[in-house]
């Protein structure tokens, strides 16, 4: 059985994620790329509103 290949990420995918987070009003603190290709952004804006969560891509901020 072959293992699953990691999903490749691009600079463009990271840039899109950063723009979406900033648009939601969250200050980007750190960015991490997971082995599965997920882009994880840690940020801070004090409180996250329900509207920000709804407007974020896939419900993630």
PDB file of N, CA and C in Angstrom:
ATOM      1  N   UNK A   1       0.842  -1.171   0.000  1.00  0.00           N
ATOM      2  CA  UNK A   1       0.000   0.000   0.000  1.00  0.00           C
ATOM      3  C   UNK A   1       0.897   1.248   0.000  1.00  0.00           C
ATOM      4  N   UNK A   2       0.555   2.197  -0.823  1.00  0.00           N
ATOM      5  CA  UNK A   2       1.332   3.438  -0.909  1.00  0.00           C
ATOM      6  C   UNK A   2       0.770   4.457   0.067  1.00  0.00           C
ATOM      7  N   UNK A   3       1.668   5.228   0.657  1.00  0.00           N
ATOM      8  CA  UNK A   3       1.253   6.289   1.566  1.00  0.00           C
ATOM      9  C   UNK A   3       0.677   7.464   0.803  1.00  0.00           C
ATOM     10  N   UNK A   4      -0.033   8.285   1.502  1.00  0.00           N
ATOM     11  CA  UNK A   4      -0.606   9.481   0.871  1.00  0.00           C
ATOM     12  C   UNK A   4       0.481  10.527   0.698  1.00  0.00           C
ATOM     13  N   UNK A   5       0.495  11.118  -0.467  1.00  0.00           N
ATOM     14  CA  UNK A   5       1.436  12.201  -0.735  1.00  0.00           C
ATOM     15  C   UNK A   5       0.953  13.478  -0.082  1.00  0.00           C
ATOM     16  N   UNK A   6       1.876  14.261   0.402  1.00  0.00           N
ATOM     17  CA  UNK A   6       1.525  15.570   0.960  1.00  0.00           C
ATOM     18  C   UNK A   6       1.031  16.472  -0.166  1.00  0.00           C
ATOM     19  N   UNK A   7       0.042  17.266   0.149  1.00  0.00           N
ATOM     20  CA  UNK A   7      -0.500  18.209  -0.817  1.00  0.00           C
ATOM     21  C   UNK A   7       0.471  19.368  -0.956  1.00  0.00           C
ATOM     22  N   UNK A   8       0.821  19.686  -2.179  1.00  0.00           N
ATOM     23  CA  UNK A   8       1.741  20.805  -2.413  1.00  0.00           C
ATOM     24  C   UNK A   8       1.016  22.126  -2.151  1.00  0.00           C
ATOM     25  N   UNK A   9       1.712  23.055  -1.552  1.00  0.00           N
ATOM     26  CA  UNK A   9       1.158  24.387  -1.383  1.00  0.00           C
ATOM     27  C   UNK A   9       1.991  25.342  -2.213  1.00  0.00           C
ATOM     28  N   UNK A  10       1.403  26.467  -2.535  1.00  0.00           N
ATOM     29  CA  UNK A  10       2.107  27.455  -3.340  1.00  0.00           C
ATOM     30  C   UNK A  10       2.177  28.772  -2.579  1.00  0.00           C
ATOM     31  N   UNK A  11       3.059  29.610  -3.009  1.00  0.00           N
ATOM     32  CA  UNK A  11       3.150  30.944  -2.417  1.00  0.00           C
ATOM     33  C   UNK A  11       1.819  31.667  -2.577  1.00  0.00           C
ATOM     34  N   UNK A  12       1.147  31.433  -3.704  1.00  0.00           N
ATOM     35  CA  UNK A  12      -0.140  32.064  -3.957  1.00  0.00           C
ATOM     36  C   UNK A  12      -1.191  31.594  -2.954  1.00  0.00           C
ATOM     37  N   UNK A  13      -1.198  30.307  -2.612  1.00  0.00           N
ATOM     38  CA  UNK A  13      -2.188  29.811  -1.651  1.00  0.00           C
ATOM     39  C   UNK A  13      -1.959  30.424  -0.268  1.00  0.00           C
ATOM     40  N   UNK A  14      -0.704  30.593   0.116  1.00  0.00           N
ATOM     41  CA  UNK A  14      -0.391  31.229   1.396  1.00  0.00           C
ATOM     42  C   UNK A  14      -0.800  32.701   1.351  1.00  0.00           C
ATOM     43  N   UNK A  15      -0.513  33.374   0.260  1.00  0.00           N
ATOM     44  CA  UNK A  15      -0.877  34.790   0.124  1.00  0.00           C
ATOM     45  C   UNK A  15      -2.386  34.985   0.195  1.00  0.00           C
ATOM     46  N   UNK A  16      -3.148  34.104  -0.456  1.00  0.00           N
ATOM     47  CA  UNK A  16      -4.613  34.202  -0.409  1.00  0.00           C
ATOM     48  C   UNK A  16      -5.119  34.018   1.017  1.00  0.00           C
ATOM     49  N   UNK A  17      -4.530  33.063   1.729  1.00  0.00           N
ATOM     50  CA  UNK A  17      -4.951  32.818   3.108  1.00  0.00           C
ATOM     51  C   UNK A  17      -4.656  34.035   3.986  1.00  0.00           C
ATOM     52  N   UNK A  18      -3.497  34.638   3.823  1.00  0.00           N
ATOM     53  CA  UNK A  18      -3.127  35.819   4.606  1.00  0.00           C
ATOM     54  C   UNK A  18      -4.088  36.967   4.307  1.00  0.00           C
ATOM     55  N   UNK A  19      -4.374  37.194   3.032  1.00  0.00           N
ATOM     56  CA  UNK A  19      -5.306  38.281   2.662  1.00  0.00           C
ATOM     57  C   UNK A  19      -6.684  38.055   3.291  1.00  0.00           C
ATOM     58  N   UNK A  20      -7.164  36.821   3.276  1.00  0.00           N
ATOM     59  CA  UNK A  20      -8.478  36.520   3.845  1.00  0.00           C
ATOM     60  C   UNK A  20      -8.506  36.789   5.348  1.00  0.00           C
ATOM     61  N   UNK A  21      -7.446  36.412   6.028  1.00  0.00           N
ATOM     62  CA  UNK A  21      -7.368  36.631   7.468  1.00  0.00           C
ATOM     63  C   UNK A  21      -7.322  38.122   7.780  1.00  0.00           C
ATOM     64  N   UNK A  22      -6.512  38.864   7.032  1.00  0.00           N
ATOM     65  CA  UNK A  22      -6.431  40.318   7.247  1.00  0.00           C
ATOM     66  C   UNK A  22      -7.757  40.988   6.952  1.00  0.00           C
ATOM     67  N   UNK A  23      -8.458  40.532   5.896  1.00  0.00           N
ATOM     68  CA  UNK A  23      -9.758  41.101   5.537  1.00  0.00           C
ATOM     69  C   UNK A  23     -10.767  40.894   6.665  1.00  0.00           C
ATOM     70  N   UNK A  24     -10.601  39.799   7.397  1.00  0.00           N
ATOM     71  CA  UNK A  24     -11.483  39.516   8.534  1.00  0.00           C
ATOM     72  C   UNK A  24     -11.112  40.349   9.754  1.00  0.00           C
ATOM     73  N   UNK A  25     -10.053  41.151   9.648  1.00  0.00           N
ATOM     74  CA  UNK A  25      -9.670  42.029  10.738  1.00  0.00           C
ATOM     75  C   UNK A  25      -8.753  41.391  11.767  1.00  0.00           C
ATOM     76  N   UNK A  26      -8.095  40.302  11.380  1.00  0.00           N
ATOM     77  CA  UNK A  26      -7.206  39.605  12.299  1.00  0.00           C
ATOM     78  C   UNK A  26      -5.766  39.905  11.925  1.00  0.00           C
ATOM     79  N   UNK A  27      -4.968  40.264  12.936  1.00  0.00           N
ATOM     80  CA  UNK A  27      -3.547  40.525  12.716  1.00  0.00           C
ATOM     81  C   UNK A  27      -2.808  39.182  12.678  1.00  0.00           C
ATOM     82  N   UNK A  28      -2.059  38.942  11.612  1.00  0.00           N
ATOM     83  CA  UNK A  28      -1.320  37.691  11.454  1.00  0.00           C
ATOM     84  C   UNK A  28      -0.113  37.687  12.381  1.00  0.00           C
ATOM     85  N   UNK A  29      -0.013  36.640  13.191  1.00  0.00           N
ATOM     86  CA  UNK A  29       1.125  36.481  14.102  1.00  0.00           C
ATOM     87  C   UNK A  29       2.112  35.446  13.568  1.00  0.00           C
ATOM     88  N   UNK A  30       1.622  34.255  13.234  1.00  0.00           N
ATOM     89  CA  UNK A  30       2.482  33.198  12.694  1.00  0.00           C
ATOM     90  C   UNK A  30       1.745  32.432  11.609  1.00  0.00           C
ATOM     91  N   UNK A  31       2.520  31.783  10.754  1.00  0.00           N
ATOM     92  CA  UNK A  31       1.974  30.940   9.693  1.00  0.00           C
ATOM     93  C   UNK A  31       2.721  29.617   9.731  1.00  0.00           C
ATOM     94  N   UNK A  32       1.955  28.520   9.600  1.00  0.00           N
ATOM     95  CA  UNK A  32       2.562  27.190   9.601  1.00  0.00           C
ATOM     96  C   UNK A  32       1.941  26.376   8.471  1.00  0.00           C
ATOM     97  N   UNK A  33       2.772  25.635   7.767  1.00  0.00           N
ATOM     98  CA  UNK A  33       2.294  24.738   6.722  1.00  0.00           C
ATOM     99  C   UNK A  33       2.338  23.317   7.287  1.00  0.00           C
ATOM    100  N   UNK A  34       1.185  22.672   7.340  1.00  0.00           N
ATOM    101  CA  UNK A  34       1.095  21.315   7.867  1.00  0.00           C
ATOM    102  C   UNK A  34       1.559  20.307   6.816  1.00  0.00           C
ATOM    103  N   UNK A  35       1.960  19.115   7.241  1.00  0.00           N
ATOM    104  CA  UNK A  35       2.387  18.079   6.285  1.00  0.00           C
ATOM    105  C   UNK A  35       1.327  17.735   5.238  1.00  0.00           C
ATOM    106  N   UNK A  36       0.048  17.932   5.578  1.00  0.00           N
ATOM    107  CA  UNK A  36      -1.012  17.640   4.610  1.00  0.00           C
ATOM    108  C   UNK A  36      -1.282  18.802   3.659  1.00  0.00           C
ATOM    109  N   UNK A  37      -0.504  19.881   3.771  1.00  0.00           N
ATOM    110  CA  UNK A  37      -0.645  21.031   2.887  1.00  0.00           C
ATOM    111  C   UNK A  37      -1.527  22.137   3.430  1.00  0.00           C
ATOM    112  N   UNK A  38      -2.125  21.944   4.595  1.00  0.00           N
ATOM    113  CA  UNK A  38      -2.968  22.974   5.195  1.00  0.00           C
ATOM    114  C   UNK A  38      -2.118  24.170   5.609  1.00  0.00           C
ATOM    115  N   UNK A  39      -2.672  25.352   5.394  1.00  0.00           N
ATOM    116  CA  UNK A  39      -2.025  26.589   5.828  1.00  0.00           C
ATOM    117  C   UNK A  39      -2.691  27.001   7.134  1.00  0.00           C
ATOM    118  N   UNK A  40      -1.926  27.060   8.217  1.00  0.00           N
ATOM    119  CA  UNK A  40      -2.461  27.421   9.531  1.00  0.00           C
ATOM    120  C   UNK A  40      -1.909  28.789   9.902  1.00  0.00           C
ATOM    121  N   UNK A  41      -2.827  29.739  10.138  1.00  0.00           N
ATOM    122  CA  UNK A  41      -2.432  31.100  10.477  1.00  0.00           C
ATOM    123  C   UNK A  41      -2.925  31.400  11.884  1.00  0.00           C
ATOM    124  N   UNK A  42      -2.018  31.806  12.744  1.00  0.00           N
ATOM    125  CA  UNK A  42      -2.375  32.229  14.093  1.00  0.00           C
ATOM    126  C   UNK A  42      -2.376  33.749  14.112  1.00  0.00           C
ATOM    127  N   UNK A  43      -3.423  34.298  14.668  1.00  0.00           N
ATOM    128  CA  UNK A  43      -3.516  35.745  14.695  1.00  0.00           C
ATOM    129  C   UNK A  43      -4.206  36.232  15.940  1.00  0.00           C
ATOM    130  N   UNK A  44      -4.412  37.544  15.991  1.00  0.00           N
ATOM    131  CA  UNK A  44      -5.024  38.145  17.162  1.00  0.00           C
ATOM    132  C   UNK A  44      -5.826  39.365  16.738  1.00  0.00           C
ATOM    133  N   UNK A  45      -7.053  39.422  17.204  1.00  0.00           N
ATOM    134  CA  UNK A  45      -7.853  40.630  17.023  1.00  0.00           C
ATOM    135  C   UNK A  45      -8.690  40.897  18.265  1.00  0.00           C
ATOM    136  N   UNK A  46      -8.299  40.266  19.348  1.00  0.00           N
ATOM    137  CA  UNK A  46      -9.094  40.412  20.560  1.00  0.00           C
ATOM    138  C   UNK A  46     -10.208  39.389  20.561  1.00  0.00           C
ATOM    139  N   UNK A  47     -11.320  39.702  19.930  1.00  0.00           N
ATOM    140  CA  UNK A  47     -12.438  38.780  19.830  1.00  0.00           C
ATOM    141  C   UNK A  47     -12.785  38.551  18.378  1.00  0.00           C
ATOM    142  N   UNK A  48     -13.184  37.344  18.077  1.00  0.00           N
ATOM    143  CA  UNK A  48     -13.631  37.013  16.726  1.00  0.00           C
ATOM    144  C   UNK A  48     -15.153  37.025  16.743  1.00  0.00           C
ATOM    145  N   UNK A  49     -15.738  37.799  15.827  1.00  0.00           N
ATOM    146  CA  UNK A  49     -17.188  37.886  15.776  1.00  0.00           C
ATOM    147  C   UNK A  49     -17.763  36.761  14.921  1.00  0.00           C
ATOM    148  N   UNK A  50     -19.033  36.492  15.102  1.00  0.00           N
ATOM    149  CA  UNK A  50     -19.733  35.476  14.307  1.00  0.00           C
ATOM    150  C   UNK A  50     -19.669  35.836  12.819  1.00  0.00           C
ATOM    151  N   UNK A  51     -19.789  37.103  12.502  1.00  0.00           N
ATOM    152  CA  UNK A  51     -19.732  37.541  11.110  1.00  0.00           C
ATOM    153  C   UNK A  51     -18.367  37.246  10.493  1.00  0.00           C
ATOM    154  N   UNK A  52     -17.288  37.475  11.251  1.00  0.00           N
ATOM    155  CA  UNK A  52     -15.959  37.176  10.742  1.00  0.00           C
ATOM    156  C   UNK A  52     -15.801  35.696  10.439  1.00  0.00           C
ATOM    157  N   UNK A  53     -16.340  34.856  11.295  1.00  0.00           N
ATOM    158  CA  UNK A  53     -16.261  33.423  11.059  1.00  0.00           C
ATOM    159  C   UNK A  53     -17.047  33.051   9.813  1.00  0.00           C
ATOM    160  N   UNK A  54     -18.245  33.596   9.652  1.00  0.00           N
ATOM    161  CA  UNK A  54     -19.074  33.303   8.482  1.00  0.00           C
ATOM    162  C   UNK A  54     -18.417  33.773   7.192  1.00  0.00           C
ATOM    163  N   UNK A  55     -17.713  34.906   7.226  1.00  0.00           N
ATOM    164  CA  UNK A  55     -17.103  35.462   6.026  1.00  0.00           C
ATOM    165  C   UNK A  55     -15.758  34.838   5.705  1.00  0.00           C
ATOM    166  N   UNK A  56     -15.159  34.133   6.652  1.00  0.00           N
ATOM    167  CA  UNK A  56     -13.858  33.535   6.420  1.00  0.00           C
ATOM    168  C   UNK A  56     -13.982  32.317   5.513  1.00  0.00           C
ATOM    169  N   UNK A  57     -12.909  31.967   4.846  1.00  0.00           N
ATOM    170  CA  UNK A  57     -12.911  30.833   3.935  1.00  0.00           C
ATOM    171  C   UNK A  57     -13.087  29.547   4.718  1.00  0.00           C
ATOM    172  N   UNK A  58     -14.161  28.831   4.488  1.00  0.00           N
ATOM    173  CA  UNK A  58     -14.376  27.547   5.127  1.00  0.00           C
ATOM    174  C   UNK A  58     -14.606  27.627   6.618  1.00  0.00           C
ATOM    175  N   UNK A  59     -14.884  28.800   7.164  1.00  0.00           N
ATOM    176  CA  UNK A  59     -15.132  28.928   8.585  1.00  0.00           C
ATOM    177  C   UNK A  59     -13.889  28.976   9.435  1.00  0.00           C
ATOM    178  N   UNK A  60     -12.717  29.068   8.824  1.00  0.00           N
ATOM    179  CA  UNK A  60     -11.476  29.128   9.591  1.00  0.00           C
ATOM    180  C   UNK A  60     -10.904  30.530   9.545  1.00  0.00           C
ATOM    181  N   UNK A  61     -10.375  30.988  10.646  1.00  0.00           N
ATOM    182  CA  UNK A  61      -9.686  32.284  10.691  1.00  0.00           C
ATOM    183  C   UNK A  61      -8.260  32.061  11.001  1.00  0.00           C
TER     184      UNK A  61
END
